Amino acid sequence: MKFSKFVAYGSYLPKKILTNKDLEQIFDTSDEWIQTRTGIQQRHIVEEGQKTSDLAFAAAQDALGDNDSLKNQIDLILVATTTPDKIFPSVACAVQRKLNLKNIPAFDIQAVCSGFIYALATADSFIRSGVYKKILVIGADSMSTITDYSDRSNAILWGDGAGAVIVEASDEPGIIKNIINSNGEHEELLHVPRESKENQPNTIEMQGNAVFKIAVNTLDQIVDETLKGSGYEKKDIDWLVPHQANIRILQATAKKLDMSMDHVIVTINKHGNTSAASIPLALNEGIKTGRIQKGQLILMEAFGGGFTWGSSLVRI
């Protein structure tokens, strides 16, 4: 039986930075208020003309480096995003064109903040079934483009960026277990309506307190569900690499794992909530800073609009 393992990592953040101090000039808020409630200090924002496919392509390039041989072995491209350049074609097809890769499948996956986990589970299934051998998986979002900057409780959260991994077939387990799930009954607690306000683009609407409560309860349950039958216990996990939504959610999940925050990769302070990009961005930071080491066991987990949620238990 074939397994999936990570062989390369990459990331990209737009150069433009929007700090809490900058937001103080836009609406009535304060750096202290934002940090206390979310843990966010700043977020990266796309510049005019910069698209989600640009972020995704840059992250892919970072993962590939100058390895043309690795690039030419890719036989599938998956992009998790909720902010595509266009209604169609997909961001994945745009990335394929920019990488000059032809005659391989490429498609997007939309599960909002859980998108990267959904894409990773899809890649893992394709590899285990023997259909594909080397897959480029990207999480990329330009959340600032669907943010209403007159909504001060919501606008403080979102940032832009992209993260990428390359997953290949292996005789030894890398990805040990994936869980994906959803429940559509709470759709309007976090959504972007198709009907826009007069002369305004479609923007995120969120009932923050309700989303927070459901997210904490769901992620609390997913820890037990992920470990059940995996052969591992809480104490075996070296690192938690969570979706970066709110520092209090991260702290609650770490508590559930009996884990010190010293073993949680935290990037929300610098990135904000980058939706599908947040887990691969955090994973890439953990790898490149040397905190996450080869052979260690990591748990990645996310919760997003839909509601969707998911987790991946991975041996690096």
Protein backbone atom coordinates (compact mmCIF):
# COMPACT_ATOMS: atom_id res chain seq x y z
CA MET A 1 0.00 0.00 0.00
CA LYS A 2 1.25 3.46 -0.89
CA PHE A 3 1.27 6.35 1.55
CA SER A 4 1.68 10.12 1.13
CA LYS A 5 4.53 12.21 2.48
CA PHE A 6 5.56 15.86 2.28
CA VAL A 7 8.69 16.53 0.22
CA ALA A 8 8.65 20.33 -0.19
CA TYR A 9 7.15 23.43 1.43
CA GLY A 10 6.65 27.00 0.28
CA SER A 11 4.90 30.23 1.17
CA TYR A 12 4.24 33.76 0.00
CA LEU A 13 2.97 36.90 1.72
CA PRO A 14 2.17 40.17 -0.07
CA LYS A 15 4.59 42.99 0.71
CA LYS A 16 1.91 45.42 1.85
CA ILE A 17 1.28 45.28 5.62
CA LEU A 18 -1.82 46.58 7.40
CA THR A 19 -1.18 47.07 11.11
CA ASN A 20 -3.63 47.58 13.94
CA LYS A 21 -2.40 51.17 14.10
CA ASP A 22 -3.42 51.57 10.47
CA LEU A 23 -6.90 50.27 11.30
CA GLU A 24 -7.18 52.87 14.06
CA GLN A 25 -7.17 55.46 11.26
CA ILE A 26 -10.03 53.70 9.44
CA PHE A 27 -12.53 53.07 12.26
CA ASP A 28 -12.94 53.32 16.01
CA THR A 29 -10.69 50.59 17.44
CA SER A 30 -7.34 50.20 19.16
CA ASP A 31 -4.28 48.01 18.89
CA GLU A 32 -4.82 46.81 22.46
CA TRP A 33 -8.48 45.92 21.81
CA ILE A 34 -7.63 43.89 18.69
CA GLN A 35 -4.69 42.06 20.24
CA THR A 36 -6.59 41.20 23.43
CA ARG A 37 -9.51 39.66 21.53
CA THR A 38 -7.75 38.06 18.56
CA GLY A 39 -3.97 38.00 19.04
CA ILE A 40 -3.49 39.86 15.75
CA GLN A 41 -0.96 42.67 15.40
CA GLN A 42 -0.79 42.98 11.61
CA ARG A 43 -1.81 41.30 8.38
CA HIS A 44 -0.49 41.25 4.79
CA ILE A 45 -2.73 42.69 2.08
CA VAL A 46 -2.63 42.28 -1.70
CA GLU A 47 -1.61 45.31 -3.70
CA GLU A 48 -3.70 46.71 -6.51
CA GLY A 49 -3.76 44.26 -9.40
CA GLN A 50 -2.39 41.37 -7.35
CA LYS A 51 -4.57 38.25 -7.60
CA THR A 52 -4.96 35.04 -5.62
CA SER A 53 -3.30 33.09 -8.44
CA ASP A 54 -0.25 35.37 -8.10
CA LEU A 55 0.03 34.44 -4.42
CA ALA A 56 -0.50 30.75 -5.15
CA PHE A 57 2.08 30.76 -7.95
CA ALA A 58 4.66 32.47 -5.74
CA ALA A 59 4.12 29.90 -2.97
CA ALA A 60 4.48 27.08 -5.51
CA GLN A 61 7.71 28.59 -6.80
CA ASP A 62 9.03 28.79 -3.24
CA ALA A 63 8.25 25.10 -2.71
CA LEU A 64 9.85 24.08 -6.01
CA GLY A 65 12.91 26.32 -5.82
CA ASP A 66 15.08 25.70 -8.88
CA ASN A 67 14.16 22.02 -9.04
CA ASP A 68 12.81 21.68 -12.58
CA SER A 69 12.91 17.90 -12.27
CA LEU A 70 10.53 18.03 -9.29
CA LYS A 71 8.25 20.48 -11.12
CA ASN A 72 8.02 18.27 -14.18
CA GLN A 73 7.04 15.26 -12.06
CA ILE A 74 3.91 16.97 -10.71
CA ASP A 75 0.85 15.17 -12.05
CA LEU A 76 -1.96 17.06 -10.27
CA ILE A 77 -2.47 20.60 -8.93
CA LEU A 78 -5.00 21.31 -6.17
CA VAL A 79 -5.69 24.84 -4.93
CA ALA A 80 -7.83 25.50 -1.87
CA THR A 81 -9.30 28.99 -2.11
CA THR A 82 -12.46 30.97 -1.49
CA THR A 83 -11.27 34.08 -3.37
CA PRO A 84 -10.61 32.99 -6.97
CA ASP A 85 -9.43 35.51 -9.55
CA LYS A 86 -12.55 34.85 -11.61
CA ILE A 87 -15.75 32.84 -11.33
CA PHE A 88 -13.96 30.53 -13.77
CA PRO A 89 -11.49 29.21 -14.76
CA SER A 90 -9.95 27.94 -11.54
CA VAL A 91 -6.96 29.38 -9.71
CA ALA A 92 -5.36 25.94 -10.13
CA CYS A 93 -5.52 26.30 -13.92
CA ALA A 94 -3.94 29.77 -13.66
CA VAL A 95 -1.12 28.35 -11.52
CA GLN A 96 -0.67 25.51 -14.03
CA ARG A 97 -0.29 28.03 -16.85
CA LYS A 98 2.18 30.16 -14.88
CA LEU A 99 4.26 27.07 -14.04
CA ASN A 100 4.15 26.06 -17.72
CA LEU A 101 2.86 22.60 -16.85
CA LYS A 102 0.63 21.07 -19.51
CA ASN A 103 -1.70 18.12 -19.81
CA ILE A 104 -2.19 17.42 -16.10
CA PRO A 105 -5.41 17.94 -14.12
CA ALA A 106 -5.82 21.05 -12.00
CA PHE A 107 -8.80 22.16 -9.95
CA ASP A 108 -9.88 24.26 -6.97
CA ILE A 109 -11.40 23.10 -3.69
CA GLN A 110 -13.72 25.43 -1.76
CA ALA A 111 -14.08 24.75 1.96
CA VAL A 112 -13.10 28.24 3.16
CA CYS A 113 -10.75 28.07 6.17
CA SER A 114 -10.76 24.24 6.12
CA GLY A 115 -9.83 24.22 2.44
CA PHE A 116 -6.21 23.18 2.81
CA ILE A 117 -7.15 20.16 4.93
CA TYR A 118 -9.81 19.21 2.37
CA ALA A 119 -7.24 19.53 -0.43
CA LEU A 120 -4.67 17.53 1.50
CA ALA A 121 -7.18 14.75 2.18
CA THR A 122 -8.03 14.71 -1.54
CA ALA A 123 -4.36 14.49 -2.52
CA ASP A 124 -3.76 11.72 0.01
CA SER A 125 -6.69 9.70 -1.38
CA PHE A 126 -5.44 10.06 -4.95
CA ILE A 127 -1.96 8.92 -3.98
CA ARG A 128 -3.13 5.99 -1.84
CA SER A 129 -5.33 4.80 -4.70
CA GLY A 130 -2.38 4.93 -7.09
CA VAL A 131 -3.94 7.44 -9.45
CA TYR A 132 -1.26 10.13 -8.98
CA LYS A 133 2.26 10.08 -7.55
CA LYS A 134 3.26 13.71 -6.95
CA ILE A 135 0.74 16.44 -6.16
CA LEU A 136 1.11 20.19 -5.64
CA VAL A 137 -1.30 21.31 -2.91
CA ILE A 138 -1.79 25.05 -2.33
CA GLY A 139 -3.88 27.08 0.09
CA ALA A 140 -4.28 30.67 -1.13
CA ASP A 141 -6.66 33.49 -0.31
CA SER A 142 -7.01 37.24 -0.76
CA MET A 143 -9.48 37.80 2.06
CA SER A 144 -9.01 41.57 2.02
CA THR A 145 -10.86 41.65 -1.31
CA ILE A 146 -14.06 40.44 0.36
CA THR A 147 -13.66 42.36 3.63
CA ASP A 148 -15.99 45.21 4.58
CA TYR A 149 -13.70 47.78 6.19
CA SER A 150 -16.67 49.59 7.71
CA ASP A 151 -17.41 46.52 9.85
CA ARG A 152 -14.87 46.97 12.64
CA SER A 153 -15.58 43.68 14.43
CA ASN A 154 -14.92 41.72 11.23
CA ALA A 155 -12.36 43.75 9.30
CA ILE A 156 -9.68 43.33 11.98
CA LEU A 157 -9.42 39.59 11.29
CA TRP A 158 -8.50 39.01 7.69
CA GLY A 159 -5.23 38.86 5.79
CA ASP A 160 -3.87 37.54 2.48
CA GLY A 161 -1.26 34.94 1.59
CA ALA A 162 -0.50 31.49 0.21
CA GLY A 163 1.22 28.32 1.34
CA ALA A 164 2.13 25.21 -0.63
CA VAL A 165 3.29 21.64 -0.11
CA ILE A 166 4.30 18.93 -2.52
CA VAL A 167 3.04 15.49 -1.56
CA GLU A 168 4.41 12.31 -3.11
CA ALA A 169 3.86 8.56 -2.93
CA SER A 170 5.93 6.79 -0.30
CA ASP A 171 6.34 3.30 1.14
CA GLU A 172 6.33 4.78 4.65
CA PRO A 173 3.46 6.71 6.23
CA GLY A 174 3.67 10.49 6.18
CA ILE A 175 0.00 11.44 6.25
CA ILE A 176 -1.40 9.07 8.86
CA LYS A 177 -5.04 10.14 9.09
CA ASN A 178 -7.34 12.79 7.65
CA ILE A 179 -10.79 13.82 8.84
CA ILE A 180 -13.08 16.16 6.92
CA ASN A 181 -16.65 17.04 7.79
CA SER A 182 -19.31 19.70 7.41
CA ASN A 183 -22.69 20.90 8.59
CA GLY A 184 -24.60 23.39 6.45
CA GLU A 185 -27.30 24.34 8.94
CA HIS A 186 -25.36 27.34 10.29
CA GLU A 187 -24.61 28.81 6.86
CA GLU A 188 -25.58 32.39 7.65
CA LEU A 189 -23.36 32.68 10.75
CA LEU A 190 -20.37 33.08 8.42
CA HIS A 191 -20.91 33.72 4.74
CA VAL A 192 -20.59 36.07 1.78
CA PRO A 193 -24.07 36.71 0.34
CA ARG A 194 -24.44 36.74 -3.43
CA GLU A 195 -26.57 39.91 -3.14
CA SER A 196 -24.19 42.82 -2.63
CA LYS A 197 -25.00 46.14 -1.01
CA GLU A 198 -25.62 49.00 -3.40
CA ASN A 199 -22.40 49.99 -5.18
CA GLN A 200 -20.36 47.64 -2.94
CA PRO A 201 -18.78 44.24 -3.65
CA ASN A 202 -19.84 41.06 -1.89
CA THR A 203 -18.23 41.00 1.57
CA ILE A 204 -17.95 38.69 4.56
CA GLU A 205 -20.77 38.67 7.10
CA MET A 206 -20.03 36.93 10.41
CA GLN A 207 -21.69 36.53 13.79
CA GLY A 208 -18.41 36.28 15.65
CA ASN A 209 -19.52 35.10 19.09
CA ALA A 210 -21.66 32.28 17.70
CA VAL A 211 -18.91 31.15 15.32
CA PHE A 212 -16.36 31.20 18.15
CA LYS A 213 -18.45 28.92 20.38
CA ILE A 214 -19.16 26.37 17.66
CA ALA A 215 -15.52 26.40 16.48
CA VAL A 216 -14.13 25.74 19.96
CA ASN A 217 -16.58 22.88 20.61
CA THR A 218 -15.98 21.32 17.19
CA LEU A 219 -12.20 21.49 17.38
CA ASP A 220 -12.34 20.09 20.91
CA GLN A 221 -14.16 17.02 19.56
CA ILE A 222 -11.94 16.63 16.50
CA VAL A 223 -8.84 16.07 18.63
CA ASP A 224 -10.33 12.87 20.09
CA GLU A 225 -11.77 11.81 16.73
CA THR A 226 -8.40 12.22 14.99
CA LEU A 227 -6.46 10.24 17.57
CA LYS A 228 -9.03 7.43 17.85
CA GLY A 229 -7.73 4.37 16.03
CA SER A 230 -4.57 6.17 14.86
CA GLY A 231 -2.27 4.33 17.25
CA TYR A 232 -1.20 7.64 18.81
CA GLU A 233 -2.06 9.52 21.98
CA LYS A 234 -2.04 13.21 22.86
CA LYS A 235 1.42 12.95 24.38
CA ASP A 236 2.82 11.66 21.08
CA ILE A 237 2.06 14.88 19.19
CA ASP A 238 5.11 17.13 18.87
CA TRP A 239 3.43 20.14 17.28
CA LEU A 240 -0.03 21.57 16.79
CA VAL A 241 -0.30 23.49 13.50
CA PRO A 242 -3.79 24.98 13.63
CA HIS A 243 -5.81 27.27 11.41
CA GLN A 244 -5.00 30.77 12.60
CA ALA A 245 -8.44 32.22 13.36
CA ASN A 246 -8.20 33.55 16.90
CA ILE A 247 -5.54 33.13 19.59
CA ARG A 248 -8.20 32.03 22.10
CA ILE A 249 -9.25 29.15 19.82
CA LEU A 250 -5.61 28.10 19.51
CA GLN A 251 -5.21 28.18 23.29
CA ALA A 252 -8.38 26.14 23.80
CA THR A 253 -7.21 23.44 21.36
CA ALA A 254 -3.78 23.28 22.98
CA LYS A 255 -5.45 22.85 26.38
CA LYS A 256 -7.49 19.96 24.99
CA LEU A 257 -4.22 18.31 23.92
CA ASP A 258 -2.57 19.02 27.30
CA MET A 259 0.01 20.86 25.21
CA SER A 260 2.06 23.94 26.05
CA MET A 261 1.65 26.88 23.69
CA ASP A 262 5.40 26.51 23.14
CA HIS A 263 4.47 23.55 20.91
CA VAL A 264 1.82 25.41 18.92
CA ILE A 265 2.86 27.17 15.71
CA VAL A 266 1.36 30.64 16.03
CA THR A 267 1.39 33.06 13.10
CA ILE A 268 -1.90 34.87 13.65
CA ASN A 269 -0.07 37.80 15.23
CA LYS A 270 1.75 38.46 11.93
CA HIS A 271 -0.67 37.11 9.33
CA GLY A 272 -4.21 37.47 10.68
CA ASN A 273 -6.74 34.95 9.37
CA THR A 274 -5.66 34.02 5.84
CA SER A 275 -8.36 31.34 5.45
CA ALA A 276 -7.13 28.37 3.36
CA ALA A 277 -3.58 29.75 3.41
CA SER A 278 -3.19 29.84 7.18
CA ILE A 279 -2.22 26.21 7.89
CA PRO A 280 0.35 25.86 5.08
CA LEU A 281 1.79 29.28 6.00
CA ALA A 282 2.13 28.17 9.64
CA LEU A 283 3.55 24.79 8.62
CA ASN A 284 6.09 26.45 6.35
CA GLU A 285 7.16 28.79 9.15
CA GLY A 286 7.57 25.88 11.55
CA ILE A 287 9.72 24.02 9.02
CA LYS A 288 11.87 26.96 7.91
CA THR A 289 12.55 28.19 11.46
CA GLY A 290 13.72 24.70 12.42
CA ARG A 291 11.13 24.18 15.11
CA ILE A 292 9.41 21.34 13.28
CA GLN A 293 11.97 18.60 12.66
CA LYS A 294 11.98 15.60 10.33
CA GLY A 295 10.36 12.61 12.00
CA GLN A 296 8.13 14.63 14.31
CA LEU A 297 4.37 14.12 14.57
CA ILE A 298 2.14 17.12 13.86
CA LEU A 299 -1.60 17.69 14.08
CA MET A 300 -3.16 20.21 11.70
CA GLU A 301 -6.78 21.21 12.25
CA ALA A 302 -9.19 23.82 10.90
CA PHE A 303 -12.73 25.14 11.11
CA GLY A 304 -14.38 27.34 8.52
CA GLY A 305 -17.52 28.63 6.88
CA GLY A 306 -20.06 26.07 5.78
CA PHE A 307 -19.51 25.05 8.52
CA THR A 308 -16.59 22.84 7.48
CA TRP A 309 -13.88 21.34 9.62
CA GLY A 310 -11.03 18.88 9.30
CA SER A 311 -7.73 17.59 10.60
CA SER A 312 -4.60 15.83 9.39
CA LEU A 313 -2.19 13.80 11.51
CA VAL A 314 1.18 13.77 9.78
CA ARG A 315 4.67 12.40 10.37
CA ILE A 316 7.03 14.95 8.86
